[in-house]
Amino acid sequence: MPRSVHSLDVLPHSEQMRHDRSGRALDEFVALRAVNPSAAFPVGVSLAQSLRDGRNKDALATCLRHLGSMASEFGEHQQGLKYACEAASIFEETGNEEALVGALAVQGTALSAQGMYQLALSQMRRAENIAKDLGLQSDVAKLSSGIGSIYRATGDTAAAATVYRNGMRAAARLSLNRTYCALLNNLAMNFLESAAPQRAIILAQRCLKLLGAGDQPSPQRAYVLHTLASAYKATGDNVRAKLHFEAALPPARLHGLVTIERKCEFEIAKLLRDIGDDAGAKIRFDAAYALAVRANDARMALEISLYRAEKVRHVANAERSFIHVALEHLKQYDGSLQRGKNAVVALENEFDAVKREAESRRSQTQTLKNKLEQAQQNVYALNIAANTDPLTGLGNRRAMIEFASTRLDSQRSRHPPFSVLMLDADNFKLINDAYGHELGDQVLAKLASALRSALRPQDAIFRLGGDEFVVVCMSRGTRAGEQLAEDCLRLAREIYLPRADALRLSVSVGVVYVPEKTSAHWRLILARADAALLRAKSKGRSRLESERLTPAFVREAAASGAESGQSADSA
């Protein structure tokens, strides 16, 4: 079966099937991420590899954005940044600004986790501006969490609190409960870091109530329990602190939140060491250390090693010197700092290149826009020139035909009544012969101006050529066309010719009244007006002759072929 016209812009069948399959695979990956991030990550890596060979760039970029977010959650911030940068580049290429917002947000999160706060804030603000321009209010509210956290990381807790509160108001207005809880937890952390742990406890407890009990521990519950435990520890309530750190571990493990899991293990180890449980502390220190190494977090591994070396060095049967391990991690940390600096330089260069490319594209777009506007202006000017008589400024024959075809012939069965006047100057050839064509042109220009002054806005006037003019009077009634013709006769007689005092201008007019729903073709109407004008000329000039175009006459003319037999010059 041949394809329809509407299917020509659709992908070929095999390519469409590949797009459908990749879309389903992406949906399955996102659904798996929601319930088991650890299992979803390798699935996403494999999916991204398969999508690179296809044409569905937006699906690839979406997969990369999810991988970037997950890598950051697992503590692999450098890898997360690479995924997010590639996703953002593809979204910019395809012009998918709505999806670009999410990729930029992931970039900001990964940069912030690596201490690159200025770059992180720049990307977050860029995402926020795009979201505002697109009217994505929910995304603007969600971005408040990342932007506030960057301010908090740089020590500006006042600015962070303002951003969090603004985001909470927007989330409440839009009924974004999860976003509201995330911002509320961030605000609690902000109070904790501002030496106000009691307020942090109140907000974290309120957040837990909003989350509810639930059968499946959510990622947010892990974050909130960690905040609440940290706040209890800051108040000296170590029993409740340990209880809540322990409670945060199951949801953190379930959702692959390595950073939260490692922090909780480390804090529990320190609490156990403080109460003298060295054996239990060693187990927790080892667990925290293993998580730091797994996440390639050299700084955290160094911190755990140093703390462990200081506090647990007297534990018997230690497999190796904690000091030696700490020194090894110190070397690794120094190396990672240098690599981080190099990465910052490379990223700054990459961002500069992206900015230059964006500026170039904006410049090219503006240039094309200017050319398009100029072309449209040229087309408009050419259209005006093609439809306007240069001497009088009236519409020409071409404009009259277009007016008749759109306003009259296209609605012959339902038009309102109107009149058509055809007029020309009496003895105009004598004026040209006696006084020259220059004065003749002045006469025509003055006559056109006088005729135009007698019309209403809904009427139309055209110059057919020479000294002939056609006026279309819309909805003036049976006698109105004749009254307008008399006004034209009077106005013509009042025209003053400075170089021909003895000359008095006059015109002759033929009027045809067309009643409502009279389905006459324009050529027939114009022919009847021309016939009326000839009668006026034959009866002495400077006068009008009129007739009414009846439906019976139109039917008779159509039957006898009179309409088709009219002279082509009449049109």
Protein backbone atom coordinates (compact mmCIF):
# COMPACT_ATOMS: atom_id res chain seq x y z
CA MET A 1 0.00 0.00 0.00
CA PRO A 2 1.54 3.39 -0.94
CA ARG A 3 2.41 5.75 1.86
CA SER A 4 0.17 8.74 2.39
CA VAL A 5 1.42 12.31 2.06
CA HIS A 6 1.24 12.72 5.83
CA SER A 7 3.68 9.86 6.38
CA LEU A 8 6.49 11.26 4.24
CA ASP A 9 8.18 13.01 7.16
CA VAL A 10 8.08 9.89 9.35
CA LEU A 11 11.22 7.79 9.80
CA PRO A 12 11.58 4.67 7.63
CA HIS A 13 9.92 1.64 9.21
CA SER A 14 13.12 -0.05 10.44
CA GLU A 15 14.48 3.23 11.84
CA GLN A 16 11.16 3.97 13.55
CA MET A 17 11.27 0.54 15.18
CA ARG A 18 14.77 1.24 16.48
CA HIS A 19 13.56 4.52 17.96
CA ASP A 20 10.63 2.73 19.61
CA ARG A 21 12.93 0.08 21.06
CA SER A 22 15.41 2.63 22.38
CA GLY A 23 12.54 4.59 23.96
CA ARG A 24 11.23 1.49 25.71
CA ALA A 25 14.73 0.53 26.88
CA LEU A 26 15.23 4.04 28.27
CA ASP A 27 11.91 3.89 30.14
CA GLU A 28 12.86 0.52 31.64
CA PHE A 29 16.25 1.89 32.73
CA VAL A 30 14.66 4.93 34.42
CA ALA A 31 12.10 2.71 36.17
CA LEU A 32 14.86 0.38 37.41
CA ARG A 33 16.85 3.34 38.68
CA ALA A 34 13.91 4.36 40.87
CA VAL A 35 13.87 1.03 42.71
CA ASN A 36 17.46 -0.29 42.46
CA PRO A 37 20.09 2.28 41.38
CA SER A 38 23.02 -0.11 41.87
CA ALA A 39 21.53 -2.61 39.44
CA ALA A 40 20.39 0.17 37.06
CA PHE A 41 23.81 1.79 36.60
CA PRO A 42 25.46 -0.98 34.51
CA VAL A 43 22.22 -1.29 32.53
CA GLY A 44 22.41 2.44 31.77
CA VAL A 45 26.07 2.21 30.72
CA SER A 46 25.23 -0.62 28.29
CA LEU A 47 22.19 1.29 26.99
CA ALA A 48 24.25 4.44 26.36
CA GLN A 49 26.76 2.40 24.38
CA SER A 50 24.02 0.95 22.18
CA LEU A 51 22.39 4.35 21.69
CA ARG A 52 25.64 5.88 20.41
CA ASP A 53 25.25 3.84 17.22
CA GLY A 54 21.75 5.16 16.53
CA ARG A 55 20.16 8.47 15.54
CA ASN A 56 18.07 9.04 18.66
CA LYS A 57 20.37 11.67 20.16
CA ASP A 58 17.86 12.91 22.73
CA ALA A 59 17.46 9.37 24.11
CA LEU A 60 21.26 9.05 24.38
CA ALA A 61 21.54 12.41 26.14
CA THR A 62 18.74 11.53 28.55
CA CYS A 63 20.48 8.25 29.41
CA LEU A 64 23.78 10.10 29.96
CA ARG A 65 22.07 12.64 32.21
CA HIS A 66 20.70 9.86 34.41
CA LEU A 67 24.12 8.19 34.50
CA GLY A 68 25.72 11.49 35.52
CA SER A 69 23.23 11.96 38.35
CA MET A 70 23.68 8.38 39.55
CA ALA A 71 27.48 8.55 39.39
CA SER A 72 27.40 11.67 41.57
CA GLU A 73 25.09 9.94 44.05
CA PHE A 74 27.58 7.04 44.18
CA GLY A 75 30.39 9.50 44.96
CA GLU A 76 32.02 9.23 41.49
CA HIS A 77 31.69 12.96 40.82
CA GLN A 78 34.32 13.22 38.06
CA GLN A 79 32.64 10.49 36.04
CA GLY A 80 29.25 12.04 36.73
CA LEU A 81 30.53 15.37 35.42
CA LYS A 82 31.73 13.75 32.18
CA TYR A 83 28.35 12.13 31.58
CA ALA A 84 26.51 15.42 32.34
CA CYS A 85 28.78 17.50 30.06
CA GLU A 86 28.23 15.11 27.15
CA ALA A 87 24.47 15.12 27.76
CA ALA A 88 24.35 18.94 27.85
CA SER A 89 26.37 19.15 24.62
CA ILE A 90 23.90 16.85 22.82
CA PHE A 91 20.85 18.70 24.15
CA GLU A 92 22.34 22.00 22.95
CA GLU A 93 22.98 20.46 19.54
CA THR A 94 19.40 19.21 19.23
CA GLY A 95 17.94 22.42 20.68
CA ASN A 96 16.19 20.57 23.52
CA GLU A 97 16.40 23.39 26.09
CA GLU A 98 13.91 21.80 28.50
CA ALA A 99 16.12 18.70 28.87
CA LEU A 100 19.25 20.87 28.93
CA VAL A 101 18.08 22.30 32.27
CA GLY A 102 18.44 18.89 33.95
CA ALA A 103 21.87 18.20 32.41
CA LEU A 104 23.20 21.56 33.61
CA ALA A 105 21.85 20.87 37.10
CA VAL A 106 23.73 17.56 37.22
CA GLN A 107 26.87 19.39 36.06
CA GLY A 108 26.47 21.89 38.88
CA THR A 109 26.03 19.12 41.48
CA ALA A 110 29.14 17.24 40.30
CA LEU A 111 31.24 20.42 40.15
CA SER A 112 30.14 21.46 43.62
CA ALA A 113 31.05 18.05 45.06
CA GLN A 114 34.57 18.55 43.70
CA GLY A 115 34.92 22.00 45.24
CA MET A 116 34.52 23.92 41.95
CA TYR A 117 31.88 26.20 43.42
CA GLN A 118 32.06 29.14 40.98
CA LEU A 119 31.70 26.88 37.96
CA ALA A 120 28.96 24.95 39.73
CA LEU A 121 27.00 28.11 40.52
CA SER A 122 27.46 29.34 36.95
CA GLN A 123 25.92 26.16 35.53
CA MET A 124 23.09 26.15 38.07
CA ARG A 125 22.24 29.78 37.34
CA ARG A 126 22.31 29.10 33.61
CA ALA A 127 19.89 26.21 34.10
CA GLU A 128 17.67 28.45 36.25
CA ASN A 129 17.57 31.20 33.58
CA ILE A 130 16.64 28.72 30.85
CA ALA A 131 13.92 27.23 33.06
CA LYS A 132 12.50 30.71 33.76
CA ASP A 133 12.52 31.60 30.06
CA LEU A 134 10.64 28.39 29.25
CA GLY A 135 8.18 28.86 32.11
CA LEU A 136 9.31 25.64 33.87
CA GLN A 137 8.32 26.71 37.38
CA SER A 138 8.77 23.25 38.90
CA ASP A 139 12.35 23.07 37.59
CA VAL A 140 13.09 26.52 39.01
CA ALA A 141 11.89 25.31 42.43
CA LYS A 142 13.99 22.13 42.21
CA LEU A 143 17.11 24.08 41.22
CA SER A 144 16.82 26.06 44.46
CA SER A 145 18.13 22.99 46.29
CA GLY A 146 21.36 22.86 44.29
CA ILE A 147 21.93 26.62 44.27
CA GLY A 148 21.36 26.92 48.03
CA SER A 149 23.70 23.99 48.69
CA ILE A 150 26.50 25.74 46.78
CA TYR A 151 26.05 28.86 48.91
CA ARG A 152 26.05 26.64 52.00
CA ALA A 153 29.26 24.91 50.91
CA THR A 154 31.00 28.27 50.52
CA GLY A 155 29.91 29.36 54.02
CA ASP A 156 27.21 31.83 52.95
CA THR A 157 24.45 30.28 55.10
CA ALA A 158 22.30 33.43 54.99
CA ALA A 159 22.11 33.38 51.18
CA ALA A 160 21.51 29.62 51.28
CA ALA A 161 18.58 30.03 53.70
CA THR A 162 17.00 32.67 51.45
CA VAL A 163 17.28 30.44 48.38
CA TYR A 164 15.88 27.42 50.26
CA ARG A 165 12.88 29.37 51.59
CA ASN A 166 12.07 30.82 48.16
CA GLY A 167 12.22 27.34 46.69
CA MET A 168 9.98 25.95 49.44
CA ARG A 169 7.35 28.62 48.77
CA ALA A 170 7.39 27.79 45.06
CA ALA A 171 7.25 24.03 45.77
CA ALA A 172 4.30 24.47 48.13
CA ARG A 173 2.47 26.57 45.56
CA LEU A 174 3.03 23.91 42.87
CA SER A 175 2.30 20.97 45.27
CA LEU A 176 5.79 19.52 44.74
CA ASN A 177 5.93 17.54 47.99
CA ARG A 178 9.24 15.75 47.36
CA THR A 179 10.95 18.98 46.34
CA TYR A 180 9.53 20.72 49.41
CA CYS A 181 10.89 17.96 51.68
CA ALA A 182 14.33 18.09 50.04
CA LEU A 183 14.51 21.86 50.52
CA LEU A 184 13.26 21.54 54.11
CA ASN A 185 16.03 19.02 54.85
CA ASN A 186 18.61 21.31 53.23
CA LEU A 187 17.38 24.17 55.40
CA ALA A 188 17.80 21.92 58.47
CA MET A 189 21.40 21.18 57.41
CA ASN A 190 21.93 24.90 56.96
CA PHE A 191 20.82 25.54 60.58
CA LEU A 192 23.07 22.72 61.74
CA GLU A 193 26.06 24.32 60.07
CA SER A 194 25.01 27.70 61.50
CA ALA A 195 25.38 26.29 65.05
CA ALA A 196 21.60 25.98 65.56
CA PRO A 197 21.16 22.20 65.95
CA GLN A 198 17.86 22.49 67.88
CA ARG A 199 16.20 24.24 64.95
CA ALA A 200 17.73 21.64 62.64
CA ILE A 201 16.15 18.86 64.74
CA ILE A 202 12.71 20.52 64.54
CA LEU A 203 12.88 20.86 60.76
CA ALA A 204 14.24 17.32 60.21
CA GLN A 205 11.48 15.82 62.39
CA ARG A 206 8.89 17.82 60.46
CA CYS A 207 10.39 16.50 57.24
CA LEU A 208 10.12 12.89 58.45
CA LYS A 209 6.42 13.42 59.23
CA LEU A 210 5.86 14.77 55.72
CA LEU A 211 7.61 11.76 54.20
CA GLY A 212 5.46 9.36 56.25
CA ALA A 213 6.31 5.83 57.25
CA GLY A 214 6.07 4.07 53.88
CA ASP A 215 6.73 0.40 53.11
CA GLN A 216 9.73 1.17 50.87
CA PRO A 217 12.44 3.40 52.42
CA SER A 218 12.96 6.36 50.09
CA PRO A 219 16.29 8.07 49.27
CA GLN A 220 15.02 11.22 50.96
CA ARG A 221 14.47 9.31 54.19
CA ALA A 222 18.18 8.40 54.23
CA TYR A 223 19.19 12.05 53.82
CA VAL A 224 16.75 13.30 56.47
CA LEU A 225 17.75 10.62 59.02
CA HIS A 226 21.42 11.53 58.49
CA THR A 227 20.58 15.21 59.08
CA LEU A 228 18.60 14.40 62.22
CA ALA A 229 21.38 12.14 63.56
CA SER A 230 24.01 14.84 62.90
CA ALA A 231 21.85 17.38 64.74
CA TYR A 232 21.44 15.08 67.76
CA LYS A 233 25.20 14.52 67.82
CA ALA A 234 25.76 18.30 67.78
CA THR A 235 23.56 18.60 70.90
CA GLY A 236 25.50 15.81 72.67
CA ASP A 237 22.68 13.26 72.48
CA ASN A 238 24.88 10.44 71.16
CA VAL A 239 22.34 7.70 71.86
CA ARG A 240 19.73 9.22 69.55
CA ALA A 241 22.45 10.16 67.09
CA LYS A 242 23.66 6.55 66.78
CA LEU A 243 20.05 5.32 66.55
CA HIS A 244 19.29 7.61 63.59
CA PHE A 245 22.63 6.97 61.85
CA GLU A 246 21.78 3.26 62.01
CA ALA A 247 18.26 3.96 60.70
CA ALA A 248 19.70 5.87 57.69
CA LEU A 249 21.85 2.93 56.54
CA PRO A 250 19.13 0.62 55.04
CA PRO A 251 17.61 3.20 52.67
CA ALA A 252 21.08 4.46 51.76
CA ARG A 253 22.23 0.96 50.85
CA LEU A 254 19.00 0.20 49.01
CA HIS A 255 19.30 3.25 46.76
CA GLY A 256 23.07 3.19 46.33
CA LEU A 257 23.69 6.42 48.28
CA VAL A 258 27.36 5.61 48.92
CA THR A 259 28.20 9.04 50.34
CA ILE A 260 25.42 8.89 52.97
CA GLU A 261 26.26 5.27 53.80
CA ARG A 262 29.95 6.12 54.26
CA LYS A 263 29.19 9.16 56.43
CA CYS A 264 26.87 7.14 58.65
CA GLU A 265 29.41 4.30 59.06
CA PHE A 266 32.16 6.79 59.91
CA GLU A 267 30.03 8.64 62.47
CA ILE A 268 28.91 5.36 64.10
CA ALA A 269 32.56 4.26 64.30
CA LYS A 270 33.52 7.47 66.08
CA LEU A 271 30.59 7.15 68.50
CA LEU A 272 31.56 3.53 69.29
CA ARG A 273 35.18 4.54 69.83
CA ASP A 274 34.08 7.29 72.24
CA ILE A 275 32.20 4.76 74.41
CA GLY A 276 35.18 2.34 74.38
CA ASP A 277 33.85 -0.24 71.92
CA ASP A 278 37.13 -0.49 69.95
CA ALA A 279 36.27 -3.77 68.24
CA GLY A 280 32.92 -2.43 67.00
CA ALA A 281 34.58 0.83 66.00
CA LYS A 282 37.18 -1.02 63.91
CA ILE A 283 34.43 -2.83 61.97
CA ARG A 284 32.69 0.48 61.26
CA PHE A 285 35.94 2.25 60.34
CA ASP A 286 36.77 -0.56 57.92
CA ALA A 287 33.31 -0.32 56.35
CA ALA A 288 33.60 3.46 55.95
CA TYR A 289 37.12 3.14 54.56
CA ALA A 290 36.01 0.50 52.02
CA LEU A 291 33.18 2.76 50.84
CA ALA A 292 35.56 5.71 50.44
CA VAL A 293 37.99 3.61 48.39
CA ARG A 294 35.13 2.22 46.28
CA ALA A 295 34.01 5.77 45.49
CA ASN A 296 37.60 6.88 44.70
CA ASP A 297 37.22 9.52 47.40
CA ALA A 298 40.90 10.01 48.31
CA ARG A 299 40.22 12.86 50.70
CA MET A 300 37.70 10.85 52.72
CA ALA A 301 39.90 7.74 52.70
CA LEU A 302 42.75 9.86 54.04
CA GLU A 303 40.56 11.34 56.79
CA ILE A 304 39.33 7.90 57.88
CA SER A 305 42.86 6.47 57.83
CA LEU A 306 44.25 9.30 59.95
CA TYR A 307 41.41 9.10 62.47
CA ARG A 308 41.69 5.34 62.63
CA ALA A 309 45.47 5.52 63.05
CA GLU A 310 45.11 7.95 65.95
CA LYS A 311 42.22 6.29 67.79
CA VAL A 312 42.56 2.56 67.11
CA ARG A 313 46.33 2.09 66.84
CA HIS A 314 46.50 -0.05 69.98
CA VAL A 315 44.09 -2.69 68.65
CA ALA A 316 45.91 -6.02 68.50
CA ASN A 317 46.58 -7.99 65.31
CA ALA A 318 46.27 -4.97 63.01
CA GLU A 319 46.96 -6.25 59.53
CA ARG A 320 49.04 -3.23 58.52
CA SER A 321 50.15 0.09 59.85
CA PHE A 322 47.35 2.63 59.74
CA ILE A 323 49.98 5.36 59.53
CA HIS A 324 51.45 3.74 56.44
CA VAL A 325 48.00 3.56 54.88
CA ALA A 326 47.36 7.20 55.75
CA LEU A 327 50.64 8.26 54.11
CA GLU A 328 49.76 6.32 50.97
CA HIS A 329 46.37 8.02 50.80
CA LEU A 330 48.00 11.38 51.41
CA LYS A 331 50.12 10.83 48.31
CA GLN A 332 47.03 9.79 46.37
CA TYR A 333 45.15 12.82 47.65
CA ASP A 334 47.96 15.15 46.55
CA GLY A 335 47.81 13.53 43.13
CA SER A 336 44.03 13.84 42.97
CA LEU A 337 44.29 17.54 43.88
CA GLN A 338 46.64 18.11 40.95
CA ARG A 339 44.38 16.12 38.65
CA GLY A 340 41.47 18.15 39.95
CA LYS A 341 43.25 21.40 39.13
CA ASN A 342 44.03 20.12 35.64
CA ALA A 343 40.41 19.08 35.23
CA VAL A 344 39.25 22.55 36.28
CA VAL A 345 41.49 24.16 33.66
CA ALA A 346 40.24 21.71 31.01
CA LEU A 347 36.63 22.35 32.00
CA GLU A 348 37.08 26.11 31.94
CA ASN A 349 38.57 25.86 28.44
CA GLU A 350 35.71 23.62 27.39
CA PHE A 351 33.12 26.00 28.83
CA ASP A 352 34.81 28.94 27.09
CA ALA A 353 34.68 27.05 23.80
CA VAL A 354 30.99 26.25 24.35
CA LYS A 355 30.29 29.93 25.15
CA ARG A 356 32.13 31.06 22.01
CA GLU A 357 30.21 28.57 19.92
CA ALA A 358 26.94 29.69 21.48
CA GLU A 359 27.78 33.33 20.76
CA SER A 360 28.65 32.43 17.18
CA ARG A 361 25.34 30.62 16.78
CA ARG A 362 23.45 33.55 18.27
CA SER A 363 25.24 35.89 15.87
CA GLN A 364 24.43 33.65 12.90
CA THR A 365 20.81 33.38 14.03
CA GLN A 366 20.55 37.16 14.32
CA THR A 367 22.10 37.61 10.88
CA LEU A 368 19.63 35.16 9.35
CA LYS A 369 16.78 36.86 11.20
CA ASN A 370 17.85 40.26 9.83
CA LYS A 371 18.07 38.83 6.31
CA LEU A 372 14.62 37.28 6.67
CA GLU A 373 13.15 40.57 7.90
CA GLN A 374 14.81 42.42 5.02
CA ALA A 375 13.48 39.87 2.52
CA GLN A 376 9.98 40.22 3.99
CA GLN A 377 10.24 44.00 3.73
CA ASN A 378 11.40 43.67 0.11
CA VAL A 379 8.51 41.34 -0.70
CA TYR A 380 6.09 43.76 0.95
CA ALA A 381 7.56 46.71 -0.97
CA LEU A 382 7.42 44.78 -4.26
CA ASN A 383 3.83 43.77 -3.54
CA ILE A 384 2.90 47.40 -2.85
CA ALA A 385 4.69 48.55 -6.03
CA ALA A 386 3.01 45.83 -8.11
CA ASN A 387 -0.47 46.84 -6.90
CA THR A 388 -0.13 50.64 -6.77
CA ASP A 389 -0.43 53.25 -9.50
CA PRO A 390 2.72 55.43 -9.15
CA LEU A 391 1.08 58.67 -10.32
CA THR A 392 -2.04 58.74 -8.14
CA GLY A 393 -1.13 56.32 -5.33
CA LEU A 394 -4.38 54.43 -5.99
CA GLY A 395 -4.66 50.69 -6.54
CA ASN A 396 -4.02 49.68 -10.14
CA ARG A 397 -5.81 47.19 -12.43
CA ARG A 398 -3.99 44.25 -10.83
CA ALA A 399 -5.09 45.39 -7.34
CA MET A 400 -8.68 45.74 -8.57
CA ILE A 401 -8.75 42.18 -9.94
CA GLU A 402 -7.31 40.83 -6.67
CA PHE A 403 -9.87 42.84 -4.65
CA ALA A 404 -12.72 41.54 -6.78
CA SER A 405 -11.57 37.92 -6.60
CA THR A 406 -11.17 37.93 -2.80
CA ARG A 407 -13.97 40.27 -1.71
CA LEU A 408 -16.65 39.75 -4.39
CA ASP A 409 -16.24 36.73 -6.68
CA SER A 410 -15.31 34.40 -3.78
CA GLN A 411 -18.57 35.21 -1.97
CA ARG A 412 -20.98 35.95 -4.80
CA SER A 413 -23.83 34.07 -3.17
CA ARG A 414 -23.67 35.90 0.17
CA HIS A 415 -22.16 39.38 -0.36
CA PRO A 416 -23.94 42.52 0.93
CA PRO A 417 -25.33 44.98 -1.64
CA PHE A 418 -22.80 47.29 -3.28
CA SER A 419 -22.41 49.73 -6.17
CA VAL A 420 -19.67 50.01 -8.79
CA LEU A 421 -18.83 53.39 -10.38
CA MET A 422 -16.78 53.69 -13.57
CA LEU A 423 -15.77 57.23 -14.49
CA ASP A 424 -13.31 59.10 -16.66
CA ALA A 425 -12.42 62.71 -17.39
CA ASP A 426 -14.27 64.39 -20.26
CA ASN A 427 -12.13 65.42 -23.23
CA PHE A 428 -8.93 64.52 -21.38
CA LYS A 429 -7.04 64.13 -24.65
CA LEU A 430 -7.65 67.81 -25.42
CA ILE A 431 -6.07 68.77 -22.08
CA ASN A 432 -2.93 66.78 -22.89
CA ASP A 433 -2.76 68.19 -26.43
CA ALA A 434 -3.36 71.83 -25.41
CA TYR A 435 -1.40 72.05 -22.17
CA GLY A 436 0.98 69.07 -22.24
CA HIS A 437 1.23 65.78 -20.40
CA GLU A 438 2.73 67.40 -17.31
CA LEU A 439 -0.50 69.30 -16.63
CA GLY A 440 -2.47 66.19 -17.61
CA ASP A 441 -0.67 64.25 -14.88
CA GLN A 442 -1.46 67.01 -12.37
CA VAL A 443 -5.14 66.82 -13.37
CA LEU A 444 -5.22 63.05 -12.79
CA ALA A 445 -3.47 63.35 -9.42
CA LYS A 446 -5.90 66.07 -8.26
CA LEU A 447 -8.88 64.13 -9.55
CA ALA A 448 -7.70 60.96 -7.70
CA SER A 449 -7.29 62.95 -4.49
CA ALA A 450 -10.76 64.49 -4.84
CA LEU A 451 -12.40 61.13 -5.50
CA ARG A 452 -10.61 59.52 -2.53
CA SER A 453 -11.91 62.27 -0.22
CA ALA A 454 -15.52 61.31 -1.03
CA LEU A 455 -15.10 57.66 0.05
CA ARG A 456 -15.57 55.85 3.33
CA PRO A 457 -12.90 53.48 4.77
CA GLN A 458 -14.73 50.37 3.56
CA ASP A 459 -14.93 51.65 -0.05
CA ALA A 460 -12.20 51.08 -2.64
CA ILE A 461 -10.95 53.07 -5.63
CA PHE A 462 -8.66 52.02 -8.49
CA ARG A 463 -7.11 53.61 -11.57
CA LEU A 464 -7.53 51.35 -14.57
CA GLY A 465 -5.21 53.41 -16.78
CA GLY A 466 -5.29 56.71 -18.58
CA ASP A 467 -8.14 58.79 -17.13
CA GLU A 468 -10.37 55.82 -16.16
CA PHE A 469 -11.22 55.11 -12.51
CA VAL A 470 -13.36 52.45 -10.80
CA VAL A 471 -14.95 52.93 -7.36
CA VAL A 472 -16.53 50.10 -5.33
CA CYS A 473 -19.04 51.37 -2.75
CA MET A 474 -19.81 48.73 -0.14
CA SER A 475 -23.28 48.53 1.49
CA ARG A 476 -24.47 52.00 0.50
CA GLY A 477 -28.01 51.08 -0.50
CA THR A 478 -29.93 51.50 -3.74
CA ARG A 479 -29.44 55.28 -4.16
CA ALA A 480 -26.14 55.66 -2.40
CA GLY A 481 -24.06 54.82 -5.48
CA GLU A 482 -25.80 57.57 -7.47
CA GLN A 483 -25.32 60.05 -4.60
CA LEU A 484 -21.60 59.25 -4.54
CA ALA A 485 -21.46 59.71 -8.33
CA GLU A 486 -23.04 63.16 -7.95
CA ASP A 487 -20.41 64.03 -5.33
CA CYS A 488 -17.72 62.97 -7.80
CA LEU A 489 -19.24 65.17 -10.52
CA ARG A 490 -19.24 68.15 -8.15
CA LEU A 491 -15.70 67.60 -6.84
CA ALA A 492 -14.34 67.30 -10.39
CA ARG A 493 -15.89 70.66 -11.36
CA GLU A 494 -14.28 72.31 -8.30
CA ILE A 495 -10.71 71.31 -9.26
CA TYR A 496 -8.61 74.42 -10.00
CA LEU A 497 -6.00 74.22 -12.76
CA PRO A 498 -3.44 77.05 -12.26
CA ARG A 499 -2.09 77.04 -15.81
CA ALA A 500 -5.52 76.72 -17.46
CA ASP A 501 -7.90 79.23 -15.89
CA ALA A 502 -10.40 78.93 -18.74
CA LEU A 503 -10.48 75.15 -18.51
CA ARG A 504 -13.17 73.49 -16.41
CA LEU A 505 -12.71 69.80 -15.64
CA SER A 506 -15.66 67.42 -15.71
CA VAL A 507 -16.20 63.68 -15.54
CA SER A 508 -18.81 61.21 -16.71
CA VAL A 509 -19.92 58.35 -14.48
CA GLY A 510 -21.57 54.96 -15.03
CA VAL A 511 -23.15 53.38 -11.94
CA VAL A 512 -24.24 49.75 -11.44
CA TYR A 513 -26.08 48.71 -8.28
CA VAL A 514 -25.68 45.04 -7.32
CA PRO A 515 -28.34 43.83 -4.84
CA GLU A 516 -27.61 41.36 -2.07
CA LYS A 517 -27.05 37.70 -3.12
CA THR A 518 -26.91 38.61 -6.82
CA SER A 519 -24.33 36.10 -8.04
CA ALA A 520 -22.86 38.13 -10.91
CA HIS A 521 -19.28 37.72 -11.99
CA TRP A 522 -17.04 40.78 -11.67
CA ARG A 523 -16.47 40.91 -15.42
CA LEU A 524 -20.21 41.25 -16.03
CA ILE A 525 -20.54 43.98 -13.36
CA LEU A 526 -17.63 45.91 -14.85
CA ALA A 527 -19.04 45.53 -18.37
CA ARG A 528 -22.41 46.96 -17.27
CA ALA A 529 -20.69 49.91 -15.55
CA ASP A 530 -18.71 50.55 -18.74
CA ALA A 531 -21.95 50.48 -20.77
CA ALA A 532 -23.53 52.99 -18.37
CA LEU A 533 -20.45 55.24 -18.71
CA LEU A 534 -20.76 55.16 -22.50
CA ARG A 535 -24.42 56.21 -22.24
CA ALA A 536 -23.42 59.16 -20.04
CA LYS A 537 -20.80 60.18 -22.63
CA SER A 538 -23.28 59.89 -25.49
CA LYS A 539 -25.83 62.07 -23.67
CA GLY A 540 -23.53 65.07 -23.31
CA ARG A 541 -20.89 64.21 -20.71
CA SER A 542 -20.51 65.63 -17.14
CA ARG A 543 -23.38 63.45 -16.03
CA LEU A 544 -24.15 60.00 -14.64
CA GLU A 545 -26.11 57.04 -15.91
CA SER A 546 -27.11 54.12 -13.67
CA GLU A 547 -28.73 50.72 -13.79
CA ARG A 548 -29.67 47.92 -11.38
CA LEU A 549 -28.21 44.47 -11.97
CA THR A 550 -31.15 42.12 -11.31
CA PRO A 551 -30.84 38.36 -10.69
CA ALA A 552 -33.00 37.73 -13.76
CA PHE A 553 -30.59 39.69 -15.96
CA VAL A 554 -27.63 37.79 -14.54
CA ARG A 555 -29.32 34.43 -15.26
CA GLU A 556 -30.19 35.54 -18.79
CA ALA A 557 -26.64 36.73 -19.42
CA ALA A 558 -25.20 33.47 -18.13
CA ALA A 559 -27.58 31.41 -20.29
CA SER A 560 -26.79 33.36 -23.47
CA GLY A 561 -23.04 33.34 -22.81
CA ALA A 562 -22.99 37.09 -22.54
CA GLU A 563 -20.78 36.99 -19.44
CA SER A 564 -18.11 34.86 -21.09
CA GLY A 565 -18.36 36.90 -24.23
CA GLN A 566 -17.48 40.20 -22.61
CA SER A 567 -14.32 41.86 -23.86
CA ALA A 568 -11.18 40.85 -21.95
CA ASP A 569 -10.23 44.50 -21.85
CA SER A 570 -13.17 45.19 -19.54
CA ALA A 571 -11.44 43.20 -16.80
